[in-house]
Amino acid sequence: MFSLFLEGGLWGMTLLTLELIGLLLAAWKAPAWVQEIGLLALISGIVYTLLGFSQAMGFVQRAGDISFSLLAGGLRVACIPVIYGMLIYLLSLVIRMVQKPRI
């Protein structure tokens, strides 16, 4: 699991982890902020994925002809932050549903 954290990019994954901690604290102290923090994590994951795609395409452009397996590996690594962001957003939705008052 820690290897995925490092593969996803130290800065982006650290930011997403801080947003996860903020989400858990908000669920306890400020329930109205839960969905917003989850959405922020989703957007952060998308931004870091797009940065990863941009970086991968820059390497492809400089290298010229590369193998498909190398490109697929780079795209897999670039998708890690958005998956983490989606999981955080999903957790925020679950917390929001549990905290929602019953009618």
PDB file of N, CA and C in Angstrom:
ATOM      1  N   MET A   1       0.819  -1.184   0.000  1.00  0.00           N
ATOM      2  CA  MET A   1       0.000   0.000   0.000  1.00  0.00           C
ATOM      3  C   MET A   1       0.876   1.265   0.000  1.00  0.00           C
ATOM      4  N   PHE A   2       1.953   1.218   0.766  1.00  0.00           N
ATOM      5  CA  PHE A   2       2.844   2.375   0.811  1.00  0.00           C
ATOM      6  C   PHE A   2       3.537   2.591  -0.527  1.00  0.00           C
ATOM      7  N   SER A   3       3.770   1.494  -1.272  1.00  0.00           N
ATOM      8  CA  SER A   3       4.399   1.645  -2.585  1.00  0.00           C
ATOM      9  C   SER A   3       3.472   2.394  -3.540  1.00  0.00           C
ATOM     10  N   LEU A   4       2.156   2.164  -3.443  1.00  0.00           N
ATOM     11  CA  LEU A   4       1.210   2.927  -4.264  1.00  0.00           C
ATOM     12  C   LEU A   4       1.232   4.398  -3.882  1.00  0.00           C
ATOM     13  N   PHE A   5       1.390   4.669  -2.585  1.00  0.00           N
ATOM     14  CA  PHE A   5       1.478   6.053  -2.114  1.00  0.00           C
ATOM     15  C   PHE A   5       2.665   6.750  -2.766  1.00  0.00           C
ATOM     16  N   LEU A   6       3.810   6.083  -2.777  1.00  0.00           N
ATOM     17  CA  LEU A   6       5.005   6.681  -3.363  1.00  0.00           C
ATOM     18  C   LEU A   6       4.913   6.759  -4.883  1.00  0.00           C
ATOM     19  N   GLU A   7       4.320   5.741  -5.519  1.00  0.00           N
ATOM     20  CA  GLU A   7       4.185   5.762  -6.973  1.00  0.00           C
ATOM     21  C   GLU A   7       3.256   6.875  -7.443  1.00  0.00           C
ATOM     22  N   GLY A   8       2.227   7.181  -6.641  1.00  0.00           N
ATOM     23  CA  GLY A   8       1.254   8.193  -7.023  1.00  0.00           C
ATOM     24  C   GLY A   8       1.792   9.610  -6.973  1.00  0.00           C
ATOM     25  N   GLY A   9       2.950   9.791  -6.400  1.00  0.00           N
ATOM     26  CA  GLY A   9       3.540  11.127  -6.287  1.00  0.00           C
ATOM     27  C   GLY A   9       3.445  11.615  -4.857  1.00  0.00           C
ATOM     28  N   LEU A  10       4.571  11.954  -4.285  1.00  0.00           N
ATOM     29  CA  LEU A  10       4.625  12.283  -2.862  1.00  0.00           C
ATOM     30  C   LEU A  10       3.768  13.493  -2.508  1.00  0.00           C
ATOM     31  N   TRP A  11       3.833  14.563  -3.310  1.00  0.00           N
ATOM     32  CA  TRP A  11       3.114  15.790  -2.966  1.00  0.00           C
ATOM     33  C   TRP A  11       1.612  15.603  -3.101  1.00  0.00           C
ATOM     34  N   GLY A  12       1.186  15.025  -4.207  1.00  0.00           N
ATOM     35  CA  GLY A  12      -0.244  14.842  -4.439  1.00  0.00           C
ATOM     36  C   GLY A  12      -0.877  13.878  -3.445  1.00  0.00           C
ATOM     37  N   MET A  13      -0.208  12.773  -3.186  1.00  0.00           N
ATOM     38  CA  MET A  13      -0.761  11.785  -2.269  1.00  0.00           C
ATOM     39  C   MET A  13      -0.740  12.299  -0.827  1.00  0.00           C
ATOM     40  N   THR A  14       0.265  13.115  -0.478  1.00  0.00           N
ATOM     41  CA  THR A  14       0.285  13.720   0.853  1.00  0.00           C
ATOM     42  C   THR A  14      -0.863  14.702   1.006  1.00  0.00           C
ATOM     43  N   LEU A  15      -1.120  15.499  -0.024  1.00  0.00           N
ATOM     44  CA  LEU A  15      -2.245  16.430   0.024  1.00  0.00           C
ATOM     45  C   LEU A  15      -3.567  15.675   0.165  1.00  0.00           C
ATOM     46  N   LEU A  16      -3.727  14.603  -0.584  1.00  0.00           N
ATOM     47  CA  LEU A  16      -4.949  13.809  -0.487  1.00  0.00           C
ATOM     48  C   LEU A  16      -5.090  13.167   0.894  1.00  0.00           C
ATOM     49  N   THR A  17      -3.989  12.727   1.480  1.00  0.00           N
ATOM     50  CA  THR A  17      -4.042  12.147   2.821  1.00  0.00           C
ATOM     51  C   THR A  17      -4.414  13.205   3.855  1.00  0.00           C
ATOM     52  N   LEU A  18      -3.890  14.411   3.700  1.00  0.00           N
ATOM     53  CA  LEU A  18      -4.281  15.495   4.606  1.00  0.00           C
ATOM     54  C   LEU A  18      -5.763  15.828   4.450  1.00  0.00           C
ATOM     55  N   GLU A  19      -6.266  15.750   3.227  1.00  0.00           N
ATOM     56  CA  GLU A  19      -7.701  15.975   3.013  1.00  0.00           C
ATOM     57  C   GLU A  19      -8.522  14.849   3.649  1.00  0.00           C
ATOM     58  N   LEU A  20      -8.009  13.621   3.622  1.00  0.00           N
ATOM     59  CA  LEU A  20      -8.687  12.505   4.287  1.00  0.00           C
ATOM     60  C   LEU A  20      -8.734  12.725   5.796  1.00  0.00           C
ATOM     61  N   ILE A  21      -7.643  13.171   6.368  1.00  0.00           N
ATOM     62  CA  ILE A  21      -7.607  13.464   7.807  1.00  0.00           C
ATOM     63  C   ILE A  21      -8.566  14.603   8.122  1.00  0.00           C
ATOM     64  N   GLY A  22      -8.581  15.631   7.275  1.00  0.00           N
ATOM     65  CA  GLY A  22      -9.529  16.730   7.458  1.00  0.00           C
ATOM     66  C   GLY A  22     -10.968  16.263   7.350  1.00  0.00           C
ATOM     67  N   LEU A  23     -11.232  15.326   6.457  1.00  0.00           N
ATOM     68  CA  LEU A  23     -12.576  14.759   6.319  1.00  0.00           C
ATOM     69  C   LEU A  23     -12.999  14.041   7.589  1.00  0.00           C
ATOM     70  N   LEU A  24     -12.109  13.247   8.137  1.00  0.00           N
ATOM     71  CA  LEU A  24     -12.439  12.514   9.360  1.00  0.00           C
ATOM     72  C   LEU A  24     -12.637  13.461  10.543  1.00  0.00           C
ATOM     73  N   LEU A  25     -11.828  14.499  10.609  1.00  0.00           N
ATOM     74  CA  LEU A  25     -12.023  15.495  11.671  1.00  0.00           C
ATOM     75  C   LEU A  25     -13.319  16.276  11.473  1.00  0.00           C
ATOM     76  N   ALA A  26     -13.643  16.579  10.228  1.00  0.00           N
ATOM     77  CA  ALA A  26     -14.886  17.308   9.940  1.00  0.00           C
ATOM     78  C   ALA A  26     -16.104  16.448  10.259  1.00  0.00           C
ATOM     79  N   ALA A  27     -15.998  15.158  10.048  1.00  0.00           N
ATOM     80  CA  ALA A  27     -17.119  14.272  10.372  1.00  0.00           C
ATOM     81  C   ALA A  27     -17.414  14.309  11.870  1.00  0.00           C
ATOM     82  N   TRP A  28     -16.391  14.580  12.648  1.00  0.00           N
ATOM     83  CA  TRP A  28     -16.557  14.617  14.098  1.00  0.00           C
ATOM     84  C   TRP A  28     -16.940  16.013  14.584  1.00  0.00           C
ATOM     85  N   LYS A  29     -16.298  17.045  14.030  1.00  0.00           N
ATOM     86  CA  LYS A  29     -16.481  18.407  14.542  1.00  0.00           C
ATOM     87  C   LYS A  29     -17.390  19.299  13.691  1.00  0.00           C
ATOM     88  N   ALA A  30     -17.313  19.177  12.369  1.00  0.00           N
ATOM     89  CA  ALA A  30     -18.072  20.068  11.477  1.00  0.00           C
ATOM     90  C   ALA A  30     -18.731  19.251  10.369  1.00  0.00           C
ATOM     91  N   PRO A  31     -19.840  18.563  10.673  1.00  0.00           N
ATOM     92  CA  PRO A  31     -20.456  17.658   9.694  1.00  0.00           C
ATOM     93  C   PRO A  31     -20.898  18.336   8.400  1.00  0.00           C
ATOM     94  N   ALA A  32     -21.144  19.626   8.420  1.00  0.00           N
ATOM     95  CA  ALA A  32     -21.584  20.311   7.205  1.00  0.00           C
ATOM     96  C   ALA A  32     -20.471  20.387   6.157  1.00  0.00           C
ATOM     97  N   TRP A  33     -19.230  20.208   6.561  1.00  0.00           N
ATOM     98  CA  TRP A  33     -18.093  20.331   5.655  1.00  0.00           C
ATOM     99  C   TRP A  33     -17.671  18.996   5.038  1.00  0.00           C
ATOM    100  N   VAL A  34     -18.306  17.916   5.424  1.00  0.00           N
ATOM    101  CA  VAL A  34     -17.861  16.590   4.994  1.00  0.00           C
ATOM    102  C   VAL A  34     -17.910  16.443   3.476  1.00  0.00           C
ATOM    103  N   GLN A  35     -19.029  16.770   2.872  1.00  0.00           N
ATOM    104  CA  GLN A  35     -19.157  16.591   1.433  1.00  0.00           C
ATOM    105  C   GLN A  35     -18.224  17.531   0.666  1.00  0.00           C
ATOM    106  N   GLU A  36     -18.037  18.733   1.160  1.00  0.00           N
ATOM    107  CA  GLU A  36     -17.155  19.684   0.477  1.00  0.00           C
ATOM    108  C   GLU A  36     -15.709  19.222   0.507  1.00  0.00           C
ATOM    109  N   ILE A  37     -15.277  18.675   1.634  1.00  0.00           N
ATOM    110  CA  ILE A  37     -13.899  18.185   1.722  1.00  0.00           C
ATOM    111  C   ILE A  37     -13.717  16.969   0.825  1.00  0.00           C
ATOM    112  N   GLY A  38     -14.726  16.111   0.752  1.00  0.00           N
ATOM    113  CA  GLY A  38     -14.663  14.968  -0.157  1.00  0.00           C
ATOM    114  C   GLY A  38     -14.578  15.403  -1.605  1.00  0.00           C
ATOM    115  N   LEU A  39     -15.344  16.419  -1.962  1.00  0.00           N
ATOM    116  CA  LEU A  39     -15.298  16.941  -3.327  1.00  0.00           C
ATOM    117  C   LEU A  39     -13.942  17.581  -3.621  1.00  0.00           C
ATOM    118  N   LEU A  40     -13.382  18.264  -2.645  1.00  0.00           N
ATOM    119  CA  LEU A  40     -12.045  18.835  -2.799  1.00  0.00           C
ATOM    120  C   LEU A  40     -11.017  17.735  -3.056  1.00  0.00           C
ATOM    121  N   ALA A  41     -11.143  16.609  -2.365  1.00  0.00           N
ATOM    122  CA  ALA A  41     -10.215  15.495  -2.575  1.00  0.00           C
ATOM    123  C   ALA A  41     -10.374  14.918  -3.974  1.00  0.00           C
ATOM    124  N   LEU A  42     -11.607  14.818  -4.446  1.00  0.00           N
ATOM    125  CA  LEU A  42     -11.840  14.307  -5.801  1.00  0.00           C
ATOM    126  C   LEU A  42     -11.204  15.232  -6.842  1.00  0.00           C
ATOM    127  N   ILE A  43     -11.403  16.524  -6.695  1.00  0.00           N
ATOM    128  CA  ILE A  43     -10.825  17.492  -7.637  1.00  0.00           C
ATOM    129  C   ILE A  43      -9.298  17.474  -7.558  1.00  0.00           C
ATOM    130  N   SER A  44      -8.748  17.365  -6.356  1.00  0.00           N
ATOM    131  CA  SER A  44      -7.289  17.295  -6.209  1.00  0.00           C
ATOM    132  C   SER A  44      -6.738  16.053  -6.901  1.00  0.00           C
ATOM    133  N   GLY A  45      -7.420  14.924  -6.750  1.00  0.00           N
ATOM    134  CA  GLY A  45      -6.984  13.703  -7.422  1.00  0.00           C
ATOM    135  C   GLY A  45      -7.014  13.843  -8.930  1.00  0.00           C
ATOM    136  N   ILE A  46      -8.050  14.491  -9.454  1.00  0.00           N
ATOM    137  CA  ILE A  46      -8.147  14.704 -10.905  1.00  0.00           C
ATOM    138  C   ILE A  46      -7.020  15.608 -11.395  1.00  0.00           C
ATOM    139  N   VAL A  47      -6.736  16.664 -10.641  1.00  0.00           N
ATOM    140  CA  VAL A  47      -5.663  17.591 -11.041  1.00  0.00           C
ATOM    141  C   VAL A  47      -4.317  16.873 -11.060  1.00  0.00           C
ATOM    142  N   TYR A  48      -4.027  16.089 -10.025  1.00  0.00           N
ATOM    143  CA  TYR A  48      -2.739  15.394  -9.998  1.00  0.00           C
ATOM    144  C   TYR A  48      -2.664  14.301 -11.054  1.00  0.00           C
ATOM    145  N   THR A  49      -3.798  13.697 -11.411  1.00  0.00           N
ATOM    146  CA  THR A  49      -3.803  12.729 -12.504  1.00  0.00           C
ATOM    147  C   THR A  49      -3.507  13.414 -13.829  1.00  0.00           C
ATOM    148  N   LEU A  50      -4.124  14.572 -14.053  1.00  0.00           N
ATOM    149  CA  LEU A  50      -3.846  15.308 -15.287  1.00  0.00           C
ATOM    150  C   LEU A  50      -2.392  15.755 -15.348  1.00  0.00           C
ATOM    151  N   LEU A  51      -1.831  16.130 -14.204  1.00  0.00           N
ATOM    152  CA  LEU A  51      -0.404  16.472 -14.188  1.00  0.00           C
ATOM    153  C   LEU A  51       0.448  15.253 -14.513  1.00  0.00           C
ATOM    154  N   GLY A  52       0.051  14.080 -14.014  1.00  0.00           N
ATOM    155  CA  GLY A  52       0.768  12.852 -14.328  1.00  0.00           C
ATOM    156  C   GLY A  52       0.672  12.493 -15.798  1.00  0.00           C
ATOM    157  N   PHE A  53      -0.534  12.665 -16.391  1.00  0.00           N
ATOM    158  CA  PHE A  53      -0.690  12.432 -17.829  1.00  0.00           C
ATOM    159  C   PHE A  53       0.198  13.379 -18.623  1.00  0.00           C
ATOM    160  N   SER A  54       0.235  14.638 -18.225  1.00  0.00           N
ATOM    161  CA  SER A  54       1.053  15.621 -18.918  1.00  0.00           C
ATOM    162  C   SER A  54       2.532  15.251 -18.835  1.00  0.00           C
ATOM    163  N   GLN A  55       2.955  14.821 -17.664  1.00  0.00           N
ATOM    164  CA  GLN A  55       4.348  14.422 -17.489  1.00  0.00           C
ATOM    165  C   GLN A  55       4.661  13.181 -18.328  1.00  0.00           C
ATOM    166  N   ALA A  56       3.755  12.216 -18.355  1.00  0.00           N
ATOM    167  CA  ALA A  56       3.979  11.005 -19.148  1.00  0.00           C
ATOM    168  C   ALA A  56       4.052  11.329 -20.635  1.00  0.00           C
ATOM    169  N   MET A  57       3.179  12.197 -21.105  1.00  0.00           N
ATOM    170  CA  MET A  57       3.202  12.557 -22.525  1.00  0.00           C
ATOM    171  C   MET A  57       4.458  13.352 -22.879  1.00  0.00           C
ATOM    172  N   GLY A  58       4.959  14.138 -21.933  1.00  0.00           N
ATOM    173  CA  GLY A  58       6.223  14.840 -22.162  1.00  0.00           C
ATOM    174  C   GLY A  58       7.381  13.869 -22.320  1.00  0.00           C
ATOM    175  N   PHE A  59       7.394  12.796 -21.513  1.00  0.00           N
ATOM    176  CA  PHE A  59       8.439  11.782 -21.648  1.00  0.00           C
ATOM    177  C   PHE A  59       8.324  11.046 -22.975  1.00  0.00           C
ATOM    178  N   VAL A  60       7.087  10.774 -23.401  1.00  0.00           N
ATOM    179  CA  VAL A  60       6.874  10.100 -24.686  1.00  0.00           C
ATOM    180  C   VAL A  60       7.359  10.993 -25.818  1.00  0.00           C
ATOM    181  N   GLN A  61       7.077  12.262 -25.726  1.00  0.00           N
ATOM    182  CA  GLN A  61       7.493  13.191 -26.773  1.00  0.00           C
ATOM    183  C   GLN A  61       9.013  13.256 -26.869  1.00  0.00           C
ATOM    184  N   ARG A  62       9.703  13.304 -25.735  1.00  0.00           N
ATOM    185  CA  ARG A  62      11.160  13.381 -25.746  1.00  0.00           C
ATOM    186  C   ARG A  62      11.811  12.077 -26.189  1.00  0.00           C
ATOM    187  N   ALA A  63      11.209  10.942 -25.776  1.00  0.00           N
ATOM    188  CA  ALA A  63      11.815   9.644 -26.091  1.00  0.00           C
ATOM    189  C   ALA A  63      11.557   9.224 -27.531  1.00  0.00           C
ATOM    190  N   GLY A  64      10.458   9.686 -28.099  1.00  0.00           N
ATOM    191  CA  GLY A  64      10.128   9.294 -29.464  1.00  0.00           C
ATOM    192  C   GLY A  64       9.340   7.995 -29.480  1.00  0.00           C
ATOM    193  N   ASP A  65       9.927   6.945 -29.978  1.00  0.00           N
ATOM    194  CA  ASP A  65       9.245   5.660 -30.093  1.00  0.00           C
ATOM    195  C   ASP A  65       9.472   4.850 -28.815  1.00  0.00           C
ATOM    196  N   ILE A  66       8.379   4.554 -28.084  1.00  0.00           N
ATOM    197  CA  ILE A  66       8.487   3.754 -26.856  1.00  0.00           C
ATOM    198  C   ILE A  66       7.520   2.581 -26.954  1.00  0.00           C
ATOM    199  N   SER A  67       7.736   1.601 -26.108  1.00  0.00           N
ATOM    200  CA  SER A  67       6.873   0.419 -26.122  1.00  0.00           C
ATOM    201  C   SER A  67       5.540   0.731 -25.433  1.00  0.00           C
ATOM    202  N   PHE A  68       4.532  -0.031 -25.832  1.00  0.00           N
ATOM    203  CA  PHE A  68       3.202   0.165 -25.268  1.00  0.00           C
ATOM    204  C   PHE A  68       3.172  -0.196 -23.787  1.00  0.00           C
ATOM    205  N   SER A  69       3.938  -1.204 -23.375  1.00  0.00           N
ATOM    206  CA  SER A  69       3.932  -1.609 -21.964  1.00  0.00           C
ATOM    207  C   SER A  69       4.519  -0.508 -21.075  1.00  0.00           C
ATOM    208  N   LEU A  70       5.501   0.201 -21.563  1.00  0.00           N
ATOM    209  CA  LEU A  70       6.067   1.315 -20.803  1.00  0.00           C
ATOM    210  C   LEU A  70       5.047   2.443 -20.670  1.00  0.00           C
ATOM    211  N   LEU A  71       4.329   2.734 -21.752  1.00  0.00           N
ATOM    212  CA  LEU A  71       3.290   3.761 -21.722  1.00  0.00           C
ATOM    213  C   LEU A  71       2.149   3.354 -20.785  1.00  0.00           C
ATOM    214  N   ALA A  72       1.745   2.092 -20.838  1.00  0.00           N
ATOM    215  CA  ALA A  72       0.669   1.609 -19.968  1.00  0.00           C
ATOM    216  C   ALA A  72       1.079   1.694 -18.501  1.00  0.00           C
ATOM    217  N   GLY A  73       2.328   1.407 -18.197  1.00  0.00           N
ATOM    218  CA  GLY A  73       2.810   1.533 -16.820  1.00  0.00           C
ATOM    219  C   GLY A  73       2.769   2.966 -16.330  1.00  0.00           C
ATOM    220  N   GLY A  74       3.136   3.889 -17.191  1.00  0.00           N
ATOM    221  CA  GLY A  74       3.079   5.301 -16.826  1.00  0.00           C
ATOM    222  C   GLY A  74       1.659   5.788 -16.611  1.00  0.00           C
ATOM    223  N   LEU A  75       0.743   5.335 -17.454  1.00  0.00           N
ATOM    224  CA  LEU A  75      -0.660   5.728 -17.291  1.00  0.00           C
ATOM    225  C   LEU A  75      -1.268   5.112 -16.027  1.00  0.00           C
ATOM    226  N   ARG A  76      -0.846   3.890 -15.685  1.00  0.00           N
ATOM    227  CA  ARG A  76      -1.314   3.264 -14.446  1.00  0.00           C
ATOM    228  C   ARG A  76      -0.892   4.083 -13.232  1.00  0.00           C
ATOM    229  N   VAL A  77       0.345   4.507 -13.234  1.00  0.00           N
ATOM    230  CA  VAL A  77       0.852   5.314 -12.124  1.00  0.00           C
ATOM    231  C   VAL A  77       0.136   6.661 -12.071  1.00  0.00           C
ATOM    232  N   ALA A  78      -0.167   7.233 -13.235  1.00  0.00           N
ATOM    233  CA  ALA A  78      -0.838   8.532 -13.268  1.00  0.00           C
ATOM    234  C   ALA A  78      -2.270   8.443 -12.740  1.00  0.00           C
ATOM    235  N   CYS A  79      -2.879   7.272 -12.803  1.00  0.00           N
ATOM    236  CA  CYS A  79      -4.273   7.108 -12.343  1.00  0.00           C
ATOM    237  C   CYS A  79      -4.394   6.896 -10.837  1.00  0.00           C
ATOM    238  N   ILE A  80      -3.314   6.667 -10.135  1.00  0.00           N
ATOM    239  CA  ILE A  80      -3.381   6.376  -8.699  1.00  0.00           C
ATOM    240  C   ILE A  80      -4.001   7.529  -7.900  1.00  0.00           C
ATOM    241  N   PRO A  81      -3.621   8.795  -8.115  1.00  0.00           N
ATOM    242  CA  PRO A  81      -4.224   9.872  -7.309  1.00  0.00           C
ATOM    243  C   PRO A  81      -5.735  10.026  -7.506  1.00  0.00           C
ATOM    244  N   VAL A  82      -6.228   9.845  -8.716  1.00  0.00           N
ATOM    245  CA  VAL A  82      -7.664  10.005  -8.925  1.00  0.00           C
ATOM    246  C   VAL A  82      -8.436   8.865  -8.268  1.00  0.00           C
ATOM    247  N   ILE A  83      -7.866   7.680  -8.236  1.00  0.00           N
ATOM    248  CA  ILE A  83      -8.524   6.570  -7.546  1.00  0.00           C
ATOM    249  C   ILE A  83      -8.586   6.852  -6.053  1.00  0.00           C
ATOM    250  N   TYR A  84      -7.502   7.352  -5.491  1.00  0.00           N
ATOM    251  CA  TYR A  84      -7.467   7.701  -4.071  1.00  0.00           C
ATOM    252  C   TYR A  84      -8.456   8.824  -3.767  1.00  0.00           C
ATOM    253  N   GLY A  85      -8.506   9.822  -4.639  1.00  0.00           N
ATOM    254  CA  GLY A  85      -9.461  10.919  -4.465  1.00  0.00           C
ATOM    255  C   GLY A  85     -10.900  10.441  -4.540  1.00  0.00           C
ATOM    256  N   MET A  86     -11.178   9.503  -5.454  1.00  0.00           N
ATOM    257  CA  MET A  86     -12.536   8.957  -5.555  1.00  0.00           C
ATOM    258  C   MET A  86     -12.920   8.163  -4.310  1.00  0.00           C
ATOM    259  N   LEU A  87     -11.963   7.427  -3.761  1.00  0.00           N
ATOM    260  CA  LEU A  87     -12.248   6.683  -2.531  1.00  0.00           C
ATOM    261  C   LEU A  87     -12.545   7.626  -1.364  1.00  0.00           C
ATOM    262  N   ILE A  88     -11.817   8.728  -1.291  1.00  0.00           N
ATOM    263  CA  ILE A  88     -12.072   9.711  -0.239  1.00  0.00           C
ATOM    264  C   ILE A  88     -13.442  10.343  -0.432  1.00  0.00           C
ATOM    265  N   TYR A  89     -13.795  10.647  -1.675  1.00  0.00           N
ATOM    266  CA  TYR A  89     -15.113  11.224  -1.951  1.00  0.00           C
ATOM    267  C   TYR A  89     -16.221  10.226  -1.622  1.00  0.00           C
ATOM    268  N   LEU A  90     -16.009   8.969  -1.953  1.00  0.00           N
ATOM    269  CA  LEU A  90     -16.985   7.932  -1.610  1.00  0.00           C
ATOM    270  C   LEU A  90     -17.158   7.838  -0.102  1.00  0.00           C
ATOM    271  N   LEU A  91     -16.058   7.900   0.630  1.00  0.00           N
ATOM    272  CA  LEU A  91     -16.141   7.883   2.089  1.00  0.00           C
ATOM    273  C   LEU A  91     -16.912   9.089   2.606  1.00  0.00           C
ATOM    274  N   SER A  92     -16.708  10.244   1.989  1.00  0.00           N
ATOM    275  CA  SER A  92     -17.440  11.435   2.421  1.00  0.00           C
ATOM    276  C   SER A  92     -18.940  11.279   2.187  1.00  0.00           C
ATOM    277  N   LEU A  93     -19.317  10.644   1.080  1.00  0.00           N
ATOM    278  CA  LEU A  93     -20.739  10.416   0.814  1.00  0.00           C
ATOM    279  C   LEU A  93     -21.343   9.437   1.823  1.00  0.00           C
ATOM    280  N   VAL A  94     -20.590   8.399   2.163  1.00  0.00           N
ATOM    281  CA  VAL A  94     -21.074   7.426   3.153  1.00  0.00           C
ATOM    282  C   VAL A  94     -21.237   8.091   4.507  1.00  0.00           C
ATOM    283  N   ILE A  95     -20.254   8.886   4.916  1.00  0.00           N
ATOM    284  CA  ILE A  95     -20.348   9.599   6.192  1.00  0.00           C
ATOM    285  C   ILE A  95     -21.535  10.547   6.176  1.00  0.00           C
ATOM    286  N   ARG A  96     -21.728  11.219   5.070  1.00  0.00           N
ATOM    287  CA  ARG A  96     -22.852  12.170   4.949  1.00  0.00           C
ATOM    288  C   ARG A  96     -24.197  11.457   5.058  1.00  0.00           C
ATOM    289  N   MET A  97     -24.311  10.274   4.441  1.00  0.00           N
ATOM    290  CA  MET A  97     -25.554   9.520   4.528  1.00  0.00           C
ATOM    291  C   MET A  97     -25.814   9.032   5.949  1.00  0.00           C
ATOM    292  N   VAL A  98     -24.770   8.620   6.635  1.00  0.00           N
ATOM    293  CA  VAL A  98     -24.930   8.148   8.021  1.00  0.00           C
ATOM    294  C   VAL A  98     -25.318   9.291   8.935  1.00  0.00           C
ATOM    295  N   GLN A  99     -24.752  10.468   8.699  1.00  0.00           N
ATOM    296  CA  GLN A  99     -25.037  11.615   9.556  1.00  0.00           C
ATOM    297  C   GLN A  99     -26.339  12.310   9.225  1.00  0.00           C
ATOM    298  N   LYS A 100     -26.907  12.056   8.056  1.00  0.00           N
ATOM    299  CA  LYS A 100     -28.125  12.738   7.640  1.00  0.00           C
ATOM    300  C   LYS A 100     -29.250  12.386   8.594  1.00  0.00           C
ATOM    301  N   PRO A 101     -30.000  13.404   9.026  1.00  0.00           N
ATOM    302  CA  PRO A 101     -31.096  13.119   9.968  1.00  0.00           C
ATOM    303  C   PRO A 101     -32.198  12.295   9.303  1.00  0.00           C
ATOM    304  N   ARG A 102     -32.751  11.400  10.091  1.00  0.00           N
ATOM    305  CA  ARG A 102     -33.838  10.555   9.599  1.00  0.00           C
ATOM    306  C   ARG A 102     -35.148  11.320   9.664  1.00  0.00           C
ATOM    307  N   ILE A 103     -36.019  11.077   8.688  1.00  0.00           N
ATOM    308  CA  ILE A 103     -37.328  11.728   8.676  1.00  0.00           C
ATOM    309  C   ILE A 103     -38.350  10.827   9.314  1.00  0.00           C
TER     310      ILE A 103
END
